[in-house]
């Protein structure tokens, strides 16, 4: 009986850590899905990854996209563009079991004037769990500065 109680106690102690690890994995899966959806040039699918009240500070936008219409306008050039995104180095900060911050680097390949252009950038995404789904509540993206020298 004592062993069973100790085992139960240990399981209860580990449960929050397991939940937080699950949150990090699920949030990072959403970041990967965002990149895959961008690479598929599927604007409709990428828009579904954001909360209704999400804020997007796009890499090449002078405005804060804080409505469904403004986010739709930002991604309107994506379909058929051939643009691609590859996630690079990233860091994950677990806020709680329903909010995770992921920040890092991604590399875009963008079609400009008929030529593919590499465009390194950096990002921060606040990912939140709403019901059973992880969604992007805040997304900041900016060009990555070149290393000094």
N, C-alpha and C. Protein backbone atom coordinates (compact mmCIF):
# COMPACT_ATOMS: atom_id res chain seq x y z
N UNK A 1 0.83 -1.19 0.00
CA UNK A 1 0.00 0.00 0.00
C UNK A 1 0.87 1.26 0.00
N UNK A 2 1.94 1.21 0.79
CA UNK A 2 2.82 2.38 0.89
C UNK A 2 3.47 2.68 -0.46
N UNK A 3 3.91 1.62 -1.16
CA UNK A 3 4.52 1.82 -2.48
C UNK A 3 3.53 2.43 -3.46
N UNK A 4 2.29 2.01 -3.38
CA UNK A 4 1.26 2.54 -4.28
C UNK A 4 1.03 4.03 -3.99
N UNK A 5 1.01 4.40 -2.72
CA UNK A 5 0.82 5.81 -2.37
C UNK A 5 2.01 6.66 -2.81
N UNK A 6 3.22 6.13 -2.65
CA UNK A 6 4.41 6.86 -3.09
C UNK A 6 4.39 7.02 -4.61
N UNK A 7 4.01 5.96 -5.31
CA UNK A 7 3.93 6.02 -6.78
C UNK A 7 2.89 7.05 -7.21
N UNK A 8 1.75 7.05 -6.56
CA UNK A 8 0.70 8.02 -6.88
C UNK A 8 1.17 9.44 -6.60
N UNK A 9 1.84 9.64 -5.48
CA UNK A 9 2.37 10.96 -5.13
C UNK A 9 3.37 11.43 -6.18
N UNK A 10 4.28 10.55 -6.60
CA UNK A 10 5.28 10.91 -7.62
C UNK A 10 4.60 11.25 -8.94
N UNK A 11 3.59 10.50 -9.29
CA UNK A 11 2.86 10.77 -10.53
C UNK A 11 2.19 12.14 -10.48
N UNK A 12 1.62 12.47 -9.34
CA UNK A 12 0.99 13.79 -9.18
C UNK A 12 2.02 14.91 -9.26
N UNK A 13 3.21 14.68 -8.73
CA UNK A 13 4.27 15.68 -8.81
C UNK A 13 4.73 15.89 -10.25
N UNK A 14 4.78 14.84 -11.03
CA UNK A 14 5.26 14.92 -12.40
C UNK A 14 4.21 15.41 -13.39
N UNK A 15 2.95 15.33 -13.04
CA UNK A 15 1.88 15.69 -13.98
C UNK A 15 2.01 17.10 -14.54
N UNK A 16 2.26 18.13 -13.73
CA UNK A 16 2.42 19.47 -14.31
C UNK A 16 3.58 19.56 -15.29
N UNK A 17 4.69 18.91 -14.98
CA UNK A 17 5.84 18.94 -15.89
C UNK A 17 5.50 18.27 -17.21
N UNK A 18 4.78 17.16 -17.15
CA UNK A 18 4.38 16.47 -18.38
C UNK A 18 3.42 17.33 -19.19
N UNK A 19 2.51 18.02 -18.52
CA UNK A 19 1.57 18.90 -19.22
C UNK A 19 2.31 20.04 -19.90
N UNK A 20 3.30 20.61 -19.21
CA UNK A 20 4.06 21.71 -19.80
C UNK A 20 4.91 21.24 -20.97
N UNK A 21 5.49 20.05 -20.85
CA UNK A 21 6.26 19.51 -21.97
C UNK A 21 5.35 19.28 -23.17
N UNK A 22 4.14 18.80 -22.91
CA UNK A 22 3.17 18.62 -23.99
C UNK A 22 2.80 19.94 -24.64
N UNK A 23 2.66 20.99 -23.84
CA UNK A 23 2.32 22.31 -24.38
C UNK A 23 3.43 22.80 -25.31
N UNK A 24 4.67 22.61 -24.91
CA UNK A 24 5.80 23.04 -25.75
C UNK A 24 5.82 22.28 -27.06
N UNK A 25 5.62 20.97 -27.00
CA UNK A 25 5.62 20.16 -28.21
C UNK A 25 4.49 20.57 -29.15
N UNK A 26 3.30 20.76 -28.59
CA UNK A 26 2.14 21.13 -29.41
C UNK A 26 2.32 22.52 -30.02
N UNK A 27 2.85 23.46 -29.24
CA UNK A 27 3.07 24.81 -29.75
C UNK A 27 4.11 24.80 -30.88
N UNK A 28 5.18 24.05 -30.69
CA UNK A 28 6.20 23.97 -31.74
C UNK A 28 5.68 23.26 -32.98
N UNK A 29 4.78 22.32 -32.81
CA UNK A 29 4.15 21.68 -33.97
C UNK A 29 3.35 22.71 -34.76
N UNK A 30 2.73 23.66 -34.07
CA UNK A 30 1.99 24.72 -34.76
C UNK A 30 2.94 25.63 -35.54
N UNK A 31 4.08 25.95 -34.97
CA UNK A 31 5.07 26.77 -35.69
C UNK A 31 5.51 26.03 -36.96
N UNK A 32 5.76 24.74 -36.85
CA UNK A 32 6.14 23.95 -38.02
C UNK A 32 5.01 23.91 -39.05
N UNK A 33 3.77 23.79 -38.57
CA UNK A 33 2.61 23.78 -39.47
C UNK A 33 2.48 25.13 -40.18
N UNK A 34 2.76 26.23 -39.46
CA UNK A 34 2.71 27.56 -40.08
C UNK A 34 3.70 27.61 -41.25
N UNK A 35 4.94 27.15 -41.03
CA UNK A 35 5.95 27.18 -42.09
C UNK A 35 5.55 26.30 -43.27
N UNK A 36 5.01 25.12 -42.99
CA UNK A 36 4.57 24.22 -44.06
C UNK A 36 3.42 24.83 -44.85
N UNK A 37 2.51 25.48 -44.15
CA UNK A 37 1.36 26.11 -44.81
C UNK A 37 1.81 27.29 -45.65
N UNK A 38 2.76 28.07 -45.14
CA UNK A 38 3.33 29.17 -45.91
C UNK A 38 3.98 28.62 -47.18
N UNK A 39 4.77 27.57 -47.03
CA UNK A 39 5.46 26.96 -48.17
C UNK A 39 4.47 26.39 -49.18
N UNK A 40 3.33 25.92 -48.71
CA UNK A 40 2.27 25.43 -49.61
C UNK A 40 1.53 26.58 -50.27
N UNK A 41 1.84 27.81 -49.86
CA UNK A 41 1.21 29.03 -50.41
C UNK A 41 -0.30 29.03 -50.19
N UNK A 42 -0.74 28.47 -49.07
CA UNK A 42 -2.17 28.34 -48.77
C UNK A 42 -2.60 29.42 -47.78
N UNK A 43 -3.00 30.57 -48.31
CA UNK A 43 -3.37 31.70 -47.46
C UNK A 43 -4.56 31.38 -46.57
N UNK A 44 -5.55 30.69 -47.10
CA UNK A 44 -6.74 30.37 -46.30
C UNK A 44 -6.37 29.50 -45.10
N UNK A 45 -5.52 28.52 -45.33
CA UNK A 45 -5.11 27.63 -44.23
C UNK A 45 -4.25 28.37 -43.21
N UNK A 46 -3.38 29.26 -43.68
CA UNK A 46 -2.52 29.98 -42.74
C UNK A 46 -3.35 30.92 -41.87
N UNK A 47 -4.39 31.52 -42.44
CA UNK A 47 -5.25 32.42 -41.67
C UNK A 47 -5.98 31.68 -40.55
N UNK A 48 -6.28 30.41 -40.76
CA UNK A 48 -6.97 29.61 -39.74
C UNK A 48 -6.08 29.28 -38.55
N UNK A 49 -4.78 29.54 -38.68
CA UNK A 49 -3.85 29.26 -37.58
C UNK A 49 -3.81 30.39 -36.55
N UNK A 50 -4.48 31.50 -36.84
CA UNK A 50 -4.48 32.67 -35.96
C UNK A 50 -5.79 32.76 -35.19
N UNK A 51 -5.73 33.30 -33.97
CA UNK A 51 -6.95 33.58 -33.21
C UNK A 51 -7.70 34.72 -33.91
N UNK A 52 -8.97 34.86 -33.61
CA UNK A 52 -9.76 35.95 -34.22
C UNK A 52 -9.20 37.32 -33.88
N UNK A 53 -8.61 37.45 -32.69
CA UNK A 53 -8.10 38.75 -32.25
C UNK A 53 -6.57 38.82 -32.31
N UNK A 54 -5.96 37.98 -33.12
CA UNK A 54 -4.50 37.93 -33.22
C UNK A 54 -3.92 39.23 -33.76
N UNK A 55 -2.69 39.50 -33.35
CA UNK A 55 -1.93 40.64 -33.85
C UNK A 55 -0.76 40.09 -34.67
N UNK A 56 -0.63 40.59 -35.90
CA UNK A 56 0.46 40.19 -36.78
C UNK A 56 1.26 41.41 -37.18
N UNK A 57 2.54 41.37 -36.88
CA UNK A 57 3.48 42.38 -37.36
C UNK A 57 4.32 41.70 -38.43
N UNK A 58 3.86 41.79 -39.66
CA UNK A 58 4.47 41.06 -40.76
C UNK A 58 5.83 41.60 -41.16
N UNK A 59 6.63 40.74 -41.71
CA UNK A 59 8.00 41.08 -42.10
C UNK A 59 8.06 42.26 -43.06
N UNK A 60 7.13 42.31 -44.00
CA UNK A 60 7.17 43.34 -45.04
C UNK A 60 5.94 44.25 -44.99
N UNK A 61 5.38 44.44 -43.81
CA UNK A 61 4.19 45.26 -43.69
C UNK A 61 4.44 46.49 -42.81
N UNK A 62 3.95 47.65 -43.25
CA UNK A 62 4.10 48.85 -42.43
C UNK A 62 2.97 49.03 -41.41
N UNK A 63 2.02 48.08 -41.37
CA UNK A 63 0.86 48.21 -40.49
C UNK A 63 0.79 47.06 -39.50
N UNK A 64 0.05 47.28 -38.43
CA UNK A 64 -0.26 46.23 -37.47
C UNK A 64 -1.53 45.54 -37.97
N UNK A 65 -1.43 44.28 -38.30
CA UNK A 65 -2.58 43.52 -38.78
C UNK A 65 -3.27 42.91 -37.56
N UNK A 66 -4.32 43.58 -37.10
CA UNK A 66 -4.99 43.14 -35.88
C UNK A 66 -6.45 42.78 -36.11
N UNK A 67 -6.79 42.46 -37.34
CA UNK A 67 -8.15 42.01 -37.66
C UNK A 67 -8.04 40.92 -38.72
N UNK A 68 -9.11 40.15 -38.86
CA UNK A 68 -9.11 39.10 -39.88
C UNK A 68 -8.88 39.70 -41.26
N UNK A 69 -9.49 40.85 -41.51
CA UNK A 69 -9.34 41.50 -42.83
C UNK A 69 -7.91 41.95 -43.08
N UNK A 70 -7.26 42.51 -42.07
CA UNK A 70 -5.89 42.99 -42.28
C UNK A 70 -4.90 41.82 -42.39
N UNK A 71 -5.16 40.73 -41.67
CA UNK A 71 -4.30 39.55 -41.83
C UNK A 71 -4.52 38.93 -43.21
N UNK A 72 -5.76 38.89 -43.67
CA UNK A 72 -6.07 38.38 -45.01
C UNK A 72 -5.36 39.22 -46.07
N UNK A 73 -5.38 40.53 -45.91
CA UNK A 73 -4.70 41.42 -46.87
C UNK A 73 -3.20 41.14 -46.87
N UNK A 74 -2.62 40.92 -45.71
CA UNK A 74 -1.18 40.66 -45.63
C UNK A 74 -0.80 39.40 -46.41
N UNK A 75 -1.59 38.35 -46.27
CA UNK A 75 -1.27 37.09 -46.93
C UNK A 75 -1.88 36.96 -48.33
N UNK A 76 -2.49 38.00 -48.84
CA UNK A 76 -3.19 37.92 -50.13
C UNK A 76 -2.27 37.62 -51.31
N UNK A 77 -1.00 37.94 -51.21
CA UNK A 77 -0.07 37.67 -52.31
C UNK A 77 0.57 36.28 -52.23
N UNK A 78 0.24 35.54 -51.19
CA UNK A 78 0.87 34.24 -50.99
C UNK A 78 0.46 33.17 -52.01
N UNK A 79 -0.85 33.00 -52.31
CA UNK A 79 -1.24 31.92 -53.22
C UNK A 79 -0.53 32.01 -54.58
N UNK A 80 0.05 30.87 -54.98
CA UNK A 80 0.71 30.80 -56.27
C UNK A 80 2.05 31.51 -56.36
N UNK A 81 2.55 32.03 -55.24
CA UNK A 81 3.77 32.84 -55.27
C UNK A 81 5.04 32.00 -55.39
N UNK A 82 5.00 30.77 -54.93
CA UNK A 82 6.21 29.95 -54.89
C UNK A 82 7.09 30.26 -53.70
N UNK A 83 6.63 31.15 -52.82
CA UNK A 83 7.41 31.51 -51.63
C UNK A 83 7.53 30.31 -50.69
N UNK A 84 8.65 30.25 -49.99
CA UNK A 84 8.90 29.14 -49.08
C UNK A 84 9.45 29.66 -47.75
N UNK A 85 9.29 28.84 -46.72
CA UNK A 85 9.80 29.19 -45.40
C UNK A 85 10.35 27.95 -44.73
N UNK A 86 11.54 28.09 -44.16
CA UNK A 86 12.16 27.01 -43.39
C UNK A 86 12.50 27.56 -42.01
N UNK A 87 11.99 26.88 -40.98
CA UNK A 87 12.28 27.29 -39.61
C UNK A 87 13.70 26.85 -39.26
N UNK A 88 14.45 27.76 -38.64
CA UNK A 88 15.81 27.45 -38.20
C UNK A 88 15.87 27.30 -36.69
N UNK A 89 16.86 27.88 -36.10
CA UNK A 89 17.07 27.83 -34.65
C UNK A 89 15.92 28.52 -33.95
N UNK A 90 15.45 27.93 -32.85
CA UNK A 90 14.35 28.54 -32.10
C UNK A 90 14.48 28.25 -30.62
N UNK A 91 13.79 29.06 -29.85
CA UNK A 91 13.73 28.89 -28.40
C UNK A 91 12.26 28.87 -28.00
N UNK A 92 11.97 28.09 -26.97
CA UNK A 92 10.60 27.94 -26.50
C UNK A 92 10.53 28.35 -25.04
N UNK A 93 9.60 29.23 -24.72
CA UNK A 93 9.37 29.66 -23.35
C UNK A 93 7.95 29.25 -22.97
N UNK A 94 7.85 28.36 -22.01
CA UNK A 94 6.53 27.91 -21.57
C UNK A 94 6.02 28.90 -20.53
N UNK A 95 4.91 29.55 -20.84
CA UNK A 95 4.30 30.49 -19.90
C UNK A 95 3.41 29.72 -18.93
N UNK A 96 2.56 28.89 -19.47
CA UNK A 96 1.75 27.96 -18.69
C UNK A 96 1.27 26.87 -19.64
N UNK A 97 0.33 26.03 -19.20
CA UNK A 97 -0.07 24.91 -20.06
C UNK A 97 -0.96 25.33 -21.23
N UNK A 98 -1.32 26.62 -21.32
CA UNK A 98 -2.13 27.09 -22.45
C UNK A 98 -1.51 28.29 -23.17
N UNK A 99 -0.28 28.63 -22.85
CA UNK A 99 0.39 29.75 -23.51
C UNK A 99 1.89 29.47 -23.61
N UNK A 100 2.40 29.56 -24.82
CA UNK A 100 3.82 29.28 -25.08
C UNK A 100 4.35 30.34 -26.04
N UNK A 101 5.54 30.83 -25.76
CA UNK A 101 6.22 31.78 -26.64
C UNK A 101 7.32 31.04 -27.37
N UNK A 102 7.31 31.13 -28.69
CA UNK A 102 8.37 30.53 -29.50
C UNK A 102 9.01 31.67 -30.29
N UNK A 103 10.32 31.75 -30.22
CA UNK A 103 11.05 32.79 -30.93
C UNK A 103 12.26 32.17 -31.61
N UNK A 104 12.61 32.71 -32.76
CA UNK A 104 13.74 32.14 -33.46
C UNK A 104 13.96 32.76 -34.82
N UNK A 105 14.61 31.98 -35.66
CA UNK A 105 14.93 32.42 -37.02
C UNK A 105 14.18 31.57 -38.03
N UNK A 106 13.81 32.19 -39.13
CA UNK A 106 13.35 31.44 -40.28
C UNK A 106 13.91 32.07 -41.53
N UNK A 107 13.99 31.25 -42.56
CA UNK A 107 14.54 31.72 -43.84
C UNK A 107 13.46 31.60 -44.90
N UNK A 108 13.17 32.73 -45.51
CA UNK A 108 12.21 32.77 -46.60
C UNK A 108 12.94 32.70 -47.93
N UNK A 109 12.34 32.05 -48.89
CA UNK A 109 12.76 32.14 -50.28
C UNK A 109 11.59 32.78 -51.00
N UNK A 110 11.80 33.98 -51.49
CA UNK A 110 10.73 34.80 -52.05
C UNK A 110 11.00 35.04 -53.54
N UNK A 111 9.94 34.94 -54.33
CA UNK A 111 10.05 35.25 -55.75
C UNK A 111 9.92 36.76 -55.93
N UNK A 112 10.96 37.38 -56.44
CA UNK A 112 10.96 38.82 -56.70
C UNK A 112 11.47 39.06 -58.11
N UNK A 113 10.64 39.71 -58.93
CA UNK A 113 11.02 40.03 -60.32
C UNK A 113 11.50 38.78 -61.05
N UNK A 114 10.81 37.67 -60.83
CA UNK A 114 11.14 36.44 -61.53
C UNK A 114 12.35 35.69 -61.00
N UNK A 115 12.92 36.16 -59.91
CA UNK A 115 14.09 35.50 -59.33
C UNK A 115 13.81 35.12 -57.88
N UNK A 116 14.36 33.98 -57.48
CA UNK A 116 14.25 33.57 -56.08
C UNK A 116 15.28 34.33 -55.26
N UNK A 117 14.81 34.94 -54.19
CA UNK A 117 15.67 35.74 -53.32
C UNK A 117 15.59 35.17 -51.90
N UNK A 118 16.74 34.93 -51.30
CA UNK A 118 16.80 34.47 -49.90
C UNK A 118 16.55 35.66 -48.99
N UNK A 119 15.71 35.46 -48.01
CA UNK A 119 15.36 36.54 -47.10
C UNK A 119 15.34 36.02 -45.66
N UNK A 120 16.46 36.08 -44.95
CA UNK A 120 16.49 35.61 -43.57
C UNK A 120 15.70 36.57 -42.66
N UNK A 121 14.97 35.98 -41.73
CA UNK A 121 14.14 36.79 -40.82
C UNK A 121 14.15 36.16 -39.44
N UNK A 122 13.58 36.88 -38.50
CA UNK A 122 13.44 36.38 -37.13
C UNK A 122 11.98 36.54 -36.73
N UNK A 123 11.55 35.74 -35.77
CA UNK A 123 10.14 35.76 -35.39
C UNK A 123 9.96 35.53 -33.91
N UNK A 124 8.81 35.97 -33.44
CA UNK A 124 8.28 35.61 -32.12
C UNK A 124 6.81 35.30 -32.33
N UNK A 125 6.36 34.20 -31.77
CA UNK A 125 4.95 33.83 -31.83
C UNK A 125 4.48 33.49 -30.42
N UNK A 126 3.39 34.11 -30.02
CA UNK A 126 2.70 33.71 -28.80
C UNK A 126 1.60 32.76 -29.22
N UNK A 127 1.68 31.53 -28.75
CA UNK A 127 0.74 30.49 -29.12
C UNK A 127 -0.13 30.18 -27.91
N UNK A 128 -1.43 30.13 -28.13
CA UNK A 128 -2.36 29.90 -27.03
C UNK A 128 -3.27 28.73 -27.36
N UNK A 129 -3.66 28.02 -26.32
CA UNK A 129 -4.58 26.91 -26.51
C UNK A 129 -6.00 27.41 -26.29
N UNK A 130 -6.82 27.26 -27.28
CA UNK A 130 -8.23 27.64 -27.22
C UNK A 130 -9.05 26.38 -27.45
N UNK A 131 -9.69 25.90 -26.40
CA UNK A 131 -10.37 24.61 -26.51
C UNK A 131 -9.33 23.52 -26.70
N UNK A 132 -9.44 22.78 -27.79
CA UNK A 132 -8.47 21.72 -28.08
C UNK A 132 -7.39 22.16 -29.06
N UNK A 133 -7.48 23.40 -29.55
CA UNK A 133 -6.60 23.85 -30.62
C UNK A 133 -5.56 24.86 -30.14
N UNK A 134 -4.35 24.74 -30.66
CA UNK A 134 -3.32 25.75 -30.47
C UNK A 134 -3.40 26.72 -31.63
N UNK A 135 -3.38 28.02 -31.31
CA UNK A 135 -3.50 29.07 -32.33
C UNK A 135 -2.48 30.17 -32.03
N UNK A 136 -2.20 30.97 -33.05
CA UNK A 136 -1.27 32.08 -32.92
C UNK A 136 -2.03 33.31 -32.46
N UNK A 137 -1.67 33.86 -31.30
CA UNK A 137 -2.31 35.07 -30.78
C UNK A 137 -1.51 36.32 -31.12
N UNK A 138 -0.20 36.15 -31.25
CA UNK A 138 0.67 37.28 -31.59
C UNK A 138 1.82 36.74 -32.43
N UNK A 139 2.13 37.45 -33.51
CA UNK A 139 3.21 37.02 -34.41
C UNK A 139 3.97 38.26 -34.86
N UNK A 140 5.22 38.33 -34.48
CA UNK A 140 6.09 39.42 -34.92
C UNK A 140 7.17 38.81 -35.80
N UNK A 141 7.40 39.42 -36.94
CA UNK A 141 8.43 38.96 -37.87
C UNK A 141 9.18 40.16 -38.40
N UNK A 142 10.49 40.05 -38.47
CA UNK A 142 11.29 41.15 -39.02
C UNK A 142 12.52 40.58 -39.71
N UNK A 143 13.06 41.38 -40.62
CA UNK A 143 14.27 40.97 -41.32
C UNK A 143 15.39 40.74 -40.31
N UNK A 144 16.19 39.74 -40.57
CA UNK A 144 17.31 39.43 -39.69
C UNK A 144 18.52 40.26 -40.13
N UNK A 145 19.08 41.03 -39.23
CA UNK A 145 20.27 41.81 -39.59
C UNK A 145 21.44 40.89 -39.96
N UNK A 146 22.28 41.38 -40.84
CA UNK A 146 23.48 40.63 -41.19
C UNK A 146 24.46 40.68 -40.01
N UNK A 147 25.20 39.60 -39.81
CA UNK A 147 26.19 39.62 -38.72
C UNK A 147 27.24 40.70 -38.97
N UNK A 148 27.77 41.29 -37.91
CA UNK A 148 28.80 42.32 -38.10
C UNK A 148 30.06 41.72 -38.73
N UNK A 149 30.75 42.58 -39.47
CA UNK A 149 32.03 42.17 -40.03
C UNK A 149 31.88 41.71 -41.40
